[in-house]
Amino acid sequence: MLMIGWTTVATMPQAETLAAGLIESRLAACVQIEGPITSFYSWEGRTERSEEFRISIKFIATRESDIEKWLLTHHPYKTPEWITVRTENVSEKYLSWVKANTYN
């Protein structure tokens, strides 16, 4: 099953470092970087506004916990966003490509 996960970082170099690491370690088949985006959130009792870069990560379901552990080790934030969804419909050809580019 294909999954998509999201996290955010403060800078493009941070996003590129995470993206390259996920691909090189074969945890993810594809990582896309979007941004900058503007994020509003509560942190330590204050409303914060910051510019961030959103990272979309495509991977097979069996790698979900491995990616979470990897992000907790390599992510620059103390409390990184990590949200995942399971896909409902993926072309067989694309899913085969994802599987071929990640370790099971």
N, C-alpha and C. Protein backbone atom coordinates (compact mmCIF):
# COMPACT_ATOMS: atom_id res chain seq x y z
N MET A 1 0.84 -1.18 0.00
CA MET A 1 0.00 0.00 0.00
C MET A 1 0.89 1.24 0.00
N LEU A 2 0.53 2.20 -0.83
CA LEU A 2 1.25 3.47 -0.89
C LEU A 2 0.73 4.39 0.21
N MET A 3 1.67 5.08 0.85
CA MET A 3 1.32 6.09 1.84
C MET A 3 2.00 7.39 1.45
N ILE A 4 1.43 8.48 1.96
CA ILE A 4 2.03 9.79 1.79
C ILE A 4 2.14 10.42 3.17
N GLY A 5 3.29 10.97 3.47
CA GLY A 5 3.52 11.63 4.75
C GLY A 5 4.00 13.05 4.53
N TRP A 6 3.76 13.90 5.53
CA TRP A 6 4.17 15.30 5.44
C TRP A 6 4.91 15.72 6.69
N THR A 7 5.88 16.57 6.47
CA THR A 7 6.56 17.26 7.56
C THR A 7 6.94 18.64 7.03
N THR A 8 7.39 19.52 7.91
CA THR A 8 7.82 20.85 7.50
C THR A 8 9.15 21.18 8.17
N VAL A 9 9.90 22.07 7.51
CA VAL A 9 11.16 22.58 8.06
C VAL A 9 11.25 24.06 7.76
N ALA A 10 12.22 24.73 8.36
CA ALA A 10 12.33 26.18 8.25
C ALA A 10 13.01 26.66 6.97
N THR A 11 13.90 25.86 6.41
CA THR A 11 14.68 26.34 5.26
C THR A 11 14.72 25.32 4.13
N MET A 12 14.98 25.81 2.93
CA MET A 12 15.13 24.92 1.78
C MET A 12 16.32 23.97 1.96
N PRO A 13 17.48 24.42 2.45
CA PRO A 13 18.57 23.46 2.67
C PRO A 13 18.20 22.34 3.64
N GLN A 14 17.44 22.64 4.69
CA GLN A 14 16.99 21.59 5.61
C GLN A 14 16.08 20.60 4.88
N ALA A 15 15.18 21.13 4.06
CA ALA A 15 14.26 20.27 3.30
C ALA A 15 15.03 19.38 2.33
N GLU A 16 16.00 19.95 1.65
CA GLU A 16 16.80 19.18 0.69
C GLU A 16 17.62 18.10 1.39
N THR A 17 18.14 18.40 2.57
CA THR A 17 18.90 17.41 3.33
C THR A 17 18.02 16.23 3.72
N LEU A 18 16.82 16.52 4.24
CA LEU A 18 15.90 15.43 4.60
C LEU A 18 15.48 14.64 3.37
N ALA A 19 15.16 15.33 2.29
CA ALA A 19 14.72 14.65 1.07
C ALA A 19 15.81 13.71 0.55
N ALA A 20 17.02 14.21 0.46
CA ALA A 20 18.12 13.38 -0.04
C ALA A 20 18.37 12.18 0.88
N GLY A 21 18.31 12.40 2.18
CA GLY A 21 18.53 11.31 3.13
C GLY A 21 17.48 10.22 3.03
N LEU A 22 16.23 10.62 2.86
CA LEU A 22 15.15 9.63 2.73
C LEU A 22 15.28 8.81 1.45
N ILE A 23 15.69 9.47 0.36
CA ILE A 23 15.86 8.76 -0.91
C ILE A 23 17.10 7.88 -0.86
N GLU A 24 18.21 8.42 -0.38
CA GLU A 24 19.46 7.66 -0.34
C GLU A 24 19.37 6.44 0.57
N SER A 25 18.59 6.54 1.64
CA SER A 25 18.41 5.40 2.55
C SER A 25 17.33 4.44 2.05
N ARG A 26 16.70 4.79 0.94
CA ARG A 26 15.64 3.98 0.31
C ARG A 26 14.43 3.78 1.23
N LEU A 27 14.20 4.74 2.12
CA LEU A 27 12.99 4.71 2.94
C LEU A 27 11.80 5.21 2.13
N ALA A 28 12.05 6.13 1.21
CA ALA A 28 11.00 6.73 0.39
C ALA A 28 11.39 6.61 -1.07
N ALA A 29 10.38 6.54 -1.93
CA ALA A 29 10.63 6.47 -3.37
C ALA A 29 10.65 7.86 -4.00
N CYS A 30 9.90 8.79 -3.40
CA CYS A 30 9.78 10.14 -3.96
C CYS A 30 9.57 11.12 -2.81
N VAL A 31 10.27 12.24 -2.87
CA VAL A 31 10.09 13.30 -1.89
C VAL A 31 9.96 14.61 -2.66
N GLN A 32 8.91 15.36 -2.36
CA GLN A 32 8.68 16.64 -3.02
C GLN A 32 8.72 17.76 -1.99
N ILE A 33 9.28 18.89 -2.40
CA ILE A 33 9.40 20.04 -1.51
C ILE A 33 8.56 21.18 -2.08
N GLU A 34 7.72 21.76 -1.23
CA GLU A 34 6.88 22.89 -1.63
C GLU A 34 7.18 24.06 -0.72
N GLY A 35 7.11 25.25 -1.28
CA GLY A 35 7.25 26.40 -0.41
C GLY A 35 8.01 27.53 -1.09
N PRO A 36 8.11 28.57 -0.33
CA PRO A 36 7.74 28.63 1.09
C PRO A 36 6.23 28.72 1.29
N ILE A 37 5.81 28.22 2.44
CA ILE A 37 4.42 28.33 2.90
C ILE A 37 4.44 29.12 4.20
N THR A 38 3.29 29.64 4.59
CA THR A 38 3.19 30.34 5.87
C THR A 38 2.43 29.47 6.84
N SER A 39 3.02 29.21 7.99
CA SER A 39 2.40 28.37 9.02
C SER A 39 2.06 29.21 10.23
N PHE A 40 0.88 28.96 10.78
CA PHE A 40 0.46 29.55 12.05
C PHE A 40 0.25 28.40 13.02
N TYR A 41 0.77 28.52 14.24
CA TYR A 41 0.66 27.43 15.21
C TYR A 41 0.91 27.98 16.61
N SER A 42 0.49 27.21 17.59
CA SER A 42 0.72 27.56 18.99
C SER A 42 1.99 26.86 19.45
N TRP A 43 2.90 27.61 20.07
CA TRP A 43 4.15 27.04 20.58
C TRP A 43 4.52 27.73 21.89
N GLU A 44 4.61 26.94 22.94
CA GLU A 44 4.97 27.43 24.28
C GLU A 44 4.09 28.61 24.70
N GLY A 45 2.79 28.47 24.46
CA GLY A 45 1.82 29.45 24.93
C GLY A 45 1.64 30.67 24.04
N ARG A 46 2.32 30.71 22.91
CA ARG A 46 2.20 31.86 22.02
C ARG A 46 1.75 31.41 20.63
N THR A 47 1.04 32.31 19.95
CA THR A 47 0.71 32.06 18.56
C THR A 47 1.91 32.47 17.72
N GLU A 48 2.39 31.55 16.92
CA GLU A 48 3.57 31.78 16.09
C GLU A 48 3.17 31.83 14.61
N ARG A 49 3.94 32.56 13.85
CA ARG A 49 3.80 32.61 12.39
C ARG A 49 5.20 32.44 11.83
N SER A 50 5.35 31.52 10.89
CA SER A 50 6.69 31.33 10.32
C SER A 50 6.60 30.85 8.88
N GLU A 51 7.66 31.11 8.17
CA GLU A 51 7.80 30.61 6.81
C GLU A 51 8.43 29.23 6.90
N GLU A 52 7.84 28.27 6.20
CA GLU A 52 8.35 26.90 6.23
C GLU A 52 8.31 26.30 4.84
N PHE A 53 8.90 25.12 4.73
CA PHE A 53 8.87 24.34 3.50
C PHE A 53 8.23 23.00 3.82
N ARG A 54 7.21 22.64 3.04
CA ARG A 54 6.49 21.38 3.26
C ARG A 54 7.15 20.28 2.44
N ILE A 55 7.36 19.15 3.09
CA ILE A 55 7.97 17.99 2.45
C ILE A 55 6.91 16.89 2.36
N SER A 56 6.63 16.44 1.14
CA SER A 56 5.70 15.32 0.91
C SER A 56 6.53 14.09 0.60
N ILE A 57 6.25 13.01 1.32
CA ILE A 57 7.06 11.80 1.23
C ILE A 57 6.17 10.64 0.79
N LYS A 58 6.55 9.96 -0.29
CA LYS A 58 5.78 8.82 -0.80
C LYS A 58 6.55 7.54 -0.50
N PHE A 59 5.85 6.58 0.11
CA PHE A 59 6.53 5.37 0.59
C PHE A 59 5.54 4.23 0.74
N ILE A 60 6.06 3.02 0.91
CA ILE A 60 5.20 1.87 1.15
C ILE A 60 4.91 1.76 2.65
N ALA A 61 3.75 1.22 2.96
CA ALA A 61 3.26 1.20 4.34
C ALA A 61 4.22 0.52 5.31
N THR A 62 4.95 -0.48 4.86
CA THR A 62 5.86 -1.19 5.76
C THR A 62 7.03 -0.32 6.22
N ARG A 63 7.22 0.84 5.61
CA ARG A 63 8.33 1.74 5.99
C ARG A 63 7.89 2.87 6.92
N GLU A 64 6.61 2.93 7.26
CA GLU A 64 6.09 4.07 8.03
C GLU A 64 6.84 4.28 9.35
N SER A 65 6.98 3.25 10.16
CA SER A 65 7.65 3.43 11.46
C SER A 65 9.13 3.70 11.28
N ASP A 66 9.75 3.13 10.25
CA ASP A 66 11.17 3.40 9.99
C ASP A 66 11.38 4.86 9.62
N ILE A 67 10.48 5.43 8.82
CA ILE A 67 10.59 6.84 8.44
C ILE A 67 10.39 7.72 9.66
N GLU A 68 9.41 7.40 10.49
CA GLU A 68 9.18 8.20 11.70
C GLU A 68 10.42 8.20 12.58
N LYS A 69 11.01 7.05 12.81
CA LYS A 69 12.24 6.97 13.62
C LYS A 69 13.37 7.77 12.97
N TRP A 70 13.51 7.65 11.66
CA TRP A 70 14.55 8.37 10.94
C TRP A 70 14.35 9.88 11.09
N LEU A 71 13.10 10.34 10.93
CA LEU A 71 12.82 11.77 11.07
C LEU A 71 13.12 12.28 12.47
N LEU A 72 12.76 11.50 13.49
CA LEU A 72 13.02 11.94 14.86
C LEU A 72 14.52 12.10 15.12
N THR A 73 15.33 11.35 14.41
CA THR A 73 16.79 11.45 14.55
C THR A 73 17.38 12.59 13.71
N HIS A 74 16.85 12.82 12.52
CA HIS A 74 17.46 13.74 11.56
C HIS A 74 16.75 15.09 11.41
N HIS A 75 15.54 15.21 11.92
CA HIS A 75 14.76 16.45 11.75
C HIS A 75 15.31 17.54 12.65
N PRO A 76 15.39 18.79 12.16
CA PRO A 76 15.93 19.87 12.98
C PRO A 76 14.98 20.37 14.09
N TYR A 77 13.69 20.04 14.03
CA TYR A 77 12.74 20.51 15.05
C TYR A 77 12.70 19.55 16.23
N LYS A 78 12.44 20.11 17.42
CA LYS A 78 12.26 19.27 18.62
C LYS A 78 11.00 18.43 18.52
N THR A 79 9.94 19.02 17.96
CA THR A 79 8.66 18.33 17.80
C THR A 79 8.25 18.41 16.33
N PRO A 80 8.81 17.54 15.50
CA PRO A 80 8.48 17.64 14.07
C PRO A 80 7.07 17.17 13.75
N GLU A 81 6.47 17.87 12.82
CA GLU A 81 5.18 17.42 12.27
C GLU A 81 5.44 16.13 11.50
N TRP A 82 4.59 15.12 11.73
CA TRP A 82 4.65 13.89 10.93
C TRP A 82 3.23 13.37 10.83
N ILE A 83 2.64 13.56 9.66
CA ILE A 83 1.25 13.18 9.39
C ILE A 83 1.27 12.26 8.18
N THR A 84 0.57 11.13 8.27
CA THR A 84 0.52 10.20 7.15
C THR A 84 -0.91 9.85 6.79
N VAL A 85 -1.09 9.50 5.52
CA VAL A 85 -2.38 8.99 5.04
C VAL A 85 -2.12 7.79 4.14
N ARG A 86 -3.06 6.87 4.17
CA ARG A 86 -3.02 5.72 3.27
C ARG A 86 -3.78 6.11 2.00
N THR A 87 -3.24 5.77 0.87
CA THR A 87 -3.90 6.10 -0.38
C THR A 87 -4.98 5.07 -0.69
N GLU A 88 -6.00 5.50 -1.40
CA GLU A 88 -7.08 4.59 -1.78
C GLU A 88 -6.90 4.03 -3.17
N ASN A 89 -6.37 4.84 -4.07
CA ASN A 89 -6.27 4.42 -5.46
C ASN A 89 -4.93 4.87 -6.02
N VAL A 90 -4.12 3.91 -6.43
CA VAL A 90 -2.81 4.19 -7.01
C VAL A 90 -2.65 3.29 -8.22
N SER A 91 -2.15 3.83 -9.31
CA SER A 91 -1.94 2.99 -10.49
C SER A 91 -0.94 1.88 -10.16
N GLU A 92 -1.18 0.72 -10.72
CA GLU A 92 -0.30 -0.43 -10.48
C GLU A 92 1.13 -0.13 -10.91
N LYS A 93 1.27 0.56 -12.02
CA LYS A 93 2.60 0.88 -12.54
C LYS A 93 3.36 1.78 -11.56
N TYR A 94 2.69 2.80 -11.02
CA TYR A 94 3.35 3.70 -10.07
C TYR A 94 3.68 2.96 -8.78
N LEU A 95 2.75 2.16 -8.28
CA LEU A 95 2.98 1.41 -7.05
C LEU A 95 4.16 0.45 -7.23
N SER A 96 4.27 -0.18 -8.37
CA SER A 96 5.41 -1.06 -8.64
C SER A 96 6.71 -0.29 -8.62
N TRP A 97 6.69 0.92 -9.17
CA TRP A 97 7.89 1.77 -9.15
C TRP A 97 8.27 2.13 -7.72
N VAL A 98 7.28 2.50 -6.90
CA VAL A 98 7.55 2.83 -5.49
C VAL A 98 8.18 1.63 -4.79
N LYS A 99 7.60 0.47 -4.97
CA LYS A 99 8.13 -0.74 -4.33
C LYS A 99 9.55 -1.03 -4.79
N ALA A 100 9.82 -0.84 -6.07
CA ALA A 100 11.15 -1.12 -6.60
C ALA A 100 12.21 -0.15 -6.08
N ASN A 101 11.77 1.02 -5.61
CA ASN A 101 12.71 2.04 -5.16
C ASN A 101 12.76 2.22 -3.65
N THR A 102 12.16 1.30 -2.93
CA THR A 102 12.26 1.27 -1.47
C THR A 102 12.51 -0.16 -1.04
N TYR A 103 13.14 -0.32 0.09
CA TYR A 103 13.32 -1.66 0.63
C TYR A 103 12.03 -2.08 1.31
N ASN A 104 11.64 -3.31 1.19
CA ASN A 104 10.41 -3.82 1.83
C ASN A 104 10.67 -4.22 3.26
